[in-house]
Amino acid sequence: MCLQMALDVVVTGAWTMTDWMNMAGWGLVDVCEVVGSALSIAGAYLLAFQCKWSRYGWALFFGANLANIVFALLLGRYPFLVSQVVFVGSSLLGMYRSGLLGGRRSTAATSG
């Protein structure tokens, strides 16, 4: 199957994210896990750097929360789901306080 997909890509030139995921053996659960982890790490570092871009760490956390919510729902991990729903609130508050959602930009919230 993997060889057939590779040949299809070579012959037709069609290459989609779904094709890549199928060849890698990844499903939606795997993608959500990786995206949630990567966005969480990037958001944490942005906030820790205390630079002019730090406020975007809140948006990355929000994206990570959404990916982790889908991940938790797909696996039926309800305690993890509850924590991510609560973290959505803190991400939204951070985005508001940093000015990303139209609130007044606070230096305490942006750290930069």
C-alpha atoms as a PDB file:
ATOM      1  CA  MET A   1       0.000   0.000   0.000  1.00  0.00           C
ATOM      2  CA  CYS A   2       2.771   2.408   0.912  1.00  0.00           C
ATOM      3  CA  LEU A   3       4.560   1.643  -2.365  1.00  0.00           C
ATOM      4  CA  GLN A   4       1.338   2.131  -4.312  1.00  0.00           C
ATOM      5  CA  MET A   5       0.811   5.534  -2.703  1.00  0.00           C
ATOM      6  CA  ALA A   6       4.372   6.543  -3.478  1.00  0.00           C
ATOM      7  CA  LEU A   7       3.911   5.499  -7.112  1.00  0.00           C
ATOM      8  CA  ASP A   8       0.660   7.447  -7.310  1.00  0.00           C
ATOM      9  CA  VAL A   9       2.475  10.539  -6.079  1.00  0.00           C
ATOM     10  CA  VAL A  10       5.242  10.127  -8.646  1.00  0.00           C
ATOM     11  CA  VAL A  11       2.843   9.468 -11.521  1.00  0.00           C
ATOM     12  CA  THR A  12       0.114  12.017 -10.731  1.00  0.00           C
ATOM     13  CA  GLY A  13       2.121  14.546  -8.776  1.00  0.00           C
ATOM     14  CA  ALA A  14      -0.630  14.595  -6.154  1.00  0.00           C
ATOM     15  CA  TRP A  15       0.631  14.863  -2.610  1.00  0.00           C
ATOM     16  CA  THR A  16      -1.608  15.756   0.276  1.00  0.00           C
ATOM     17  CA  MET A  17      -1.215  15.829   4.030  1.00  0.00           C
ATOM     18  CA  THR A  18      -3.554  12.828   4.172  1.00  0.00           C
ATOM     19  CA  ASP A  19      -1.215  10.889   1.871  1.00  0.00           C
ATOM     20  CA  TRP A  20       1.751  11.728   4.066  1.00  0.00           C
ATOM     21  CA  MET A  21      -0.103  10.794   7.249  1.00  0.00           C
ATOM     22  CA  ASN A  22      -1.164   7.468   5.749  1.00  0.00           C
ATOM     23  CA  MET A  23       2.377   6.670   4.623  1.00  0.00           C
ATOM     24  CA  ALA A  24       3.771   7.578   8.033  1.00  0.00           C
ATOM     25  CA  GLY A  25       1.094   5.473   9.717  1.00  0.00           C
ATOM     26  CA  TRP A  26      -0.274   8.531  11.531  1.00  0.00           C
ATOM     27  CA  GLY A  27      -3.865   9.203  12.365  1.00  0.00           C
ATOM     28  CA  LEU A  28      -5.684  12.225  13.741  1.00  0.00           C
ATOM     29  CA  VAL A  29      -4.786  11.243  17.315  1.00  0.00           C
ATOM     30  CA  ASP A  30      -1.072  11.294  16.481  1.00  0.00           C
ATOM     31  CA  VAL A  31      -1.298  14.619  14.670  1.00  0.00           C
ATOM     32  CA  CYS A  32      -3.188  16.236  17.570  1.00  0.00           C
ATOM     33  CA  GLU A  33      -0.643  14.905  20.051  1.00  0.00           C
ATOM     34  CA  VAL A  34       2.330  16.268  18.094  1.00  0.00           C
ATOM     35  CA  VAL A  35       0.703  19.625  17.292  1.00  0.00           C
ATOM     36  CA  GLY A  36      -0.432  20.113  20.895  1.00  0.00           C
ATOM     37  CA  SER A  37       3.022  19.320  22.224  1.00  0.00           C
ATOM     38  CA  ALA A  38       4.866  21.476  19.693  1.00  0.00           C
ATOM     39  CA  LEU A  39       2.610  24.492  20.228  1.00  0.00           C
ATOM     40  CA  SER A  40       2.874  24.158  24.014  1.00  0.00           C
ATOM     41  CA  ILE A  41       6.666  24.089  23.875  1.00  0.00           C
ATOM     42  CA  ALA A  42       6.842  27.041  21.478  1.00  0.00           C
ATOM     43  CA  GLY A  43       4.381  29.061  23.590  1.00  0.00           C
ATOM     44  CA  ALA A  44       6.298  28.386  26.787  1.00  0.00           C
ATOM     45  CA  TYR A  45       9.562  29.537  25.237  1.00  0.00           C
ATOM     46  CA  LEU A  46       7.993  32.673  23.766  1.00  0.00           C
ATOM     47  CA  LEU A  47       6.684  33.698  27.175  1.00  0.00           C
ATOM     48  CA  ALA A  48       9.955  32.813  28.877  1.00  0.00           C
ATOM     49  CA  PHE A  49      12.051  34.905  26.475  1.00  0.00           C
ATOM     50  CA  GLN A  50      10.257  38.103  27.568  1.00  0.00           C
ATOM     51  CA  CYS A  51      10.619  39.737  24.172  1.00  0.00           C
ATOM     52  CA  LYS A  52       8.302  41.797  21.954  1.00  0.00           C
ATOM     53  CA  TRP A  53       6.890  38.570  20.487  1.00  0.00           C
ATOM     54  CA  SER A  54       6.143  36.995  23.868  1.00  0.00           C
ATOM     55  CA  ARG A  55       2.456  37.839  23.798  1.00  0.00           C
ATOM     56  CA  TYR A  56       1.992  35.425  20.885  1.00  0.00           C
ATOM     57  CA  GLY A  57       2.856  32.625  23.284  1.00  0.00           C
ATOM     58  CA  TRP A  58      -0.727  32.890  24.542  1.00  0.00           C
ATOM     59  CA  ALA A  59      -2.063  32.272  21.038  1.00  0.00           C
ATOM     60  CA  LEU A  60       0.216  29.237  20.714  1.00  0.00           C
ATOM     61  CA  PHE A  61      -1.075  27.940  24.056  1.00  0.00           C
ATOM     62  CA  PHE A  62      -4.639  28.426  22.787  1.00  0.00           C
ATOM     63  CA  GLY A  63      -3.846  26.397  19.664  1.00  0.00           C
ATOM     64  CA  ALA A  64      -2.251  23.715  21.820  1.00  0.00           C
ATOM     65  CA  ASN A  65      -5.359  23.646  24.020  1.00  0.00           C
ATOM     66  CA  LEU A  66      -7.583  23.068  20.995  1.00  0.00           C
ATOM     67  CA  ALA A  67      -5.356  20.267  19.666  1.00  0.00           C
ATOM     68  CA  ASN A  68      -5.235  18.683  23.119  1.00  0.00           C
ATOM     69  CA  ILE A  69      -9.026  18.893  23.472  1.00  0.00           C
ATOM     70  CA  VAL A  70      -9.476  16.951  20.232  1.00  0.00           C
ATOM     71  CA  PHE A  71      -6.793  14.488  21.386  1.00  0.00           C
ATOM     72  CA  ALA A  72      -8.562  13.957  24.725  1.00  0.00           C
ATOM     73  CA  LEU A  73     -11.962  13.514  23.087  1.00  0.00           C
ATOM     74  CA  LEU A  74     -10.645  10.963  20.598  1.00  0.00           C
ATOM     75  CA  LEU A  75      -9.042   8.902  23.369  1.00  0.00           C
ATOM     76  CA  GLY A  76     -11.776   9.419  25.978  1.00  0.00           C
ATOM     77  CA  ARG A  77      -9.347  11.027  28.439  1.00  0.00           C
ATOM     78  CA  TYR A  78     -11.856  13.122  30.338  1.00  0.00           C
ATOM     79  CA  PRO A  79      -9.695  14.392  33.230  1.00  0.00           C
ATOM     80  CA  PHE A  80      -7.179  15.645  30.636  1.00  0.00           C
ATOM     81  CA  LEU A  81     -10.080  17.164  28.676  1.00  0.00           C
ATOM     82  CA  VAL A  82     -11.269  19.085  31.747  1.00  0.00           C
ATOM     83  CA  SER A  83      -7.790  20.494  32.353  1.00  0.00           C
ATOM     84  CA  GLN A  84      -7.511  21.635  28.734  1.00  0.00           C
ATOM     85  CA  VAL A  85     -10.913  23.336  28.854  1.00  0.00           C
ATOM     86  CA  VAL A  86      -9.772  25.226  31.971  1.00  0.00           C
ATOM     87  CA  PHE A  87      -6.491  26.117  30.237  1.00  0.00           C
ATOM     88  CA  VAL A  88      -8.483  27.574  27.317  1.00  0.00           C
ATOM     89  CA  GLY A  89      -9.764  30.132  29.823  1.00  0.00           C
ATOM     90  CA  SER A  90      -6.277  31.056  30.967  1.00  0.00           C
ATOM     91  CA  SER A  91      -5.086  31.274  27.350  1.00  0.00           C
ATOM     92  CA  LEU A  92      -7.976  33.577  26.441  1.00  0.00           C
ATOM     93  CA  LEU A  93      -7.293  35.720  29.505  1.00  0.00           C
ATOM     94  CA  GLY A  94      -3.615  35.943  28.571  1.00  0.00           C
ATOM     95  CA  MET A  95      -4.494  36.884  24.994  1.00  0.00           C
ATOM     96  CA  TYR A  96      -6.913  39.542  26.230  1.00  0.00           C
ATOM     97  CA  ARG A  97      -4.467  41.030  28.740  1.00  0.00           C
ATOM     98  CA  SER A  98      -1.683  41.077  26.154  1.00  0.00           C
ATOM     99  CA  GLY A  99      -3.843  42.932  23.641  1.00  0.00           C
ATOM    100  CA  LEU A 100      -4.328  40.093  21.172  1.00  0.00           C
ATOM    101  CA  LEU A 101      -8.087  40.051  21.746  1.00  0.00           C
ATOM    102  CA  GLY A 102      -8.600  43.794  21.867  1.00  0.00           C
ATOM    103  CA  GLY A 103      -7.893  44.303  25.549  1.00  0.00           C
ATOM    104  CA  ARG A 104      -5.457  46.826  26.915  1.00  0.00           C
ATOM    105  CA  ARG A 105      -1.906  45.587  26.544  1.00  0.00           C
ATOM    106  CA  SER A 106      -0.448  44.950  29.969  1.00  0.00           C
ATOM    107  CA  THR A 107       3.300  44.604  30.385  1.00  0.00           C
ATOM    108  CA  ALA A 108       2.678  42.045  33.123  1.00  0.00           C
ATOM    109  CA  ALA A 109       0.799  39.834  30.671  1.00  0.00           C
ATOM    110  CA  THR A 110       3.209  40.201  27.778  1.00  0.00           C
ATOM    111  CA  SER A 111       6.491  40.121  29.663  1.00  0.00           C
ATOM    112  CA  GLY A 112       8.120  42.206  26.999  1.00  0.00           C
END
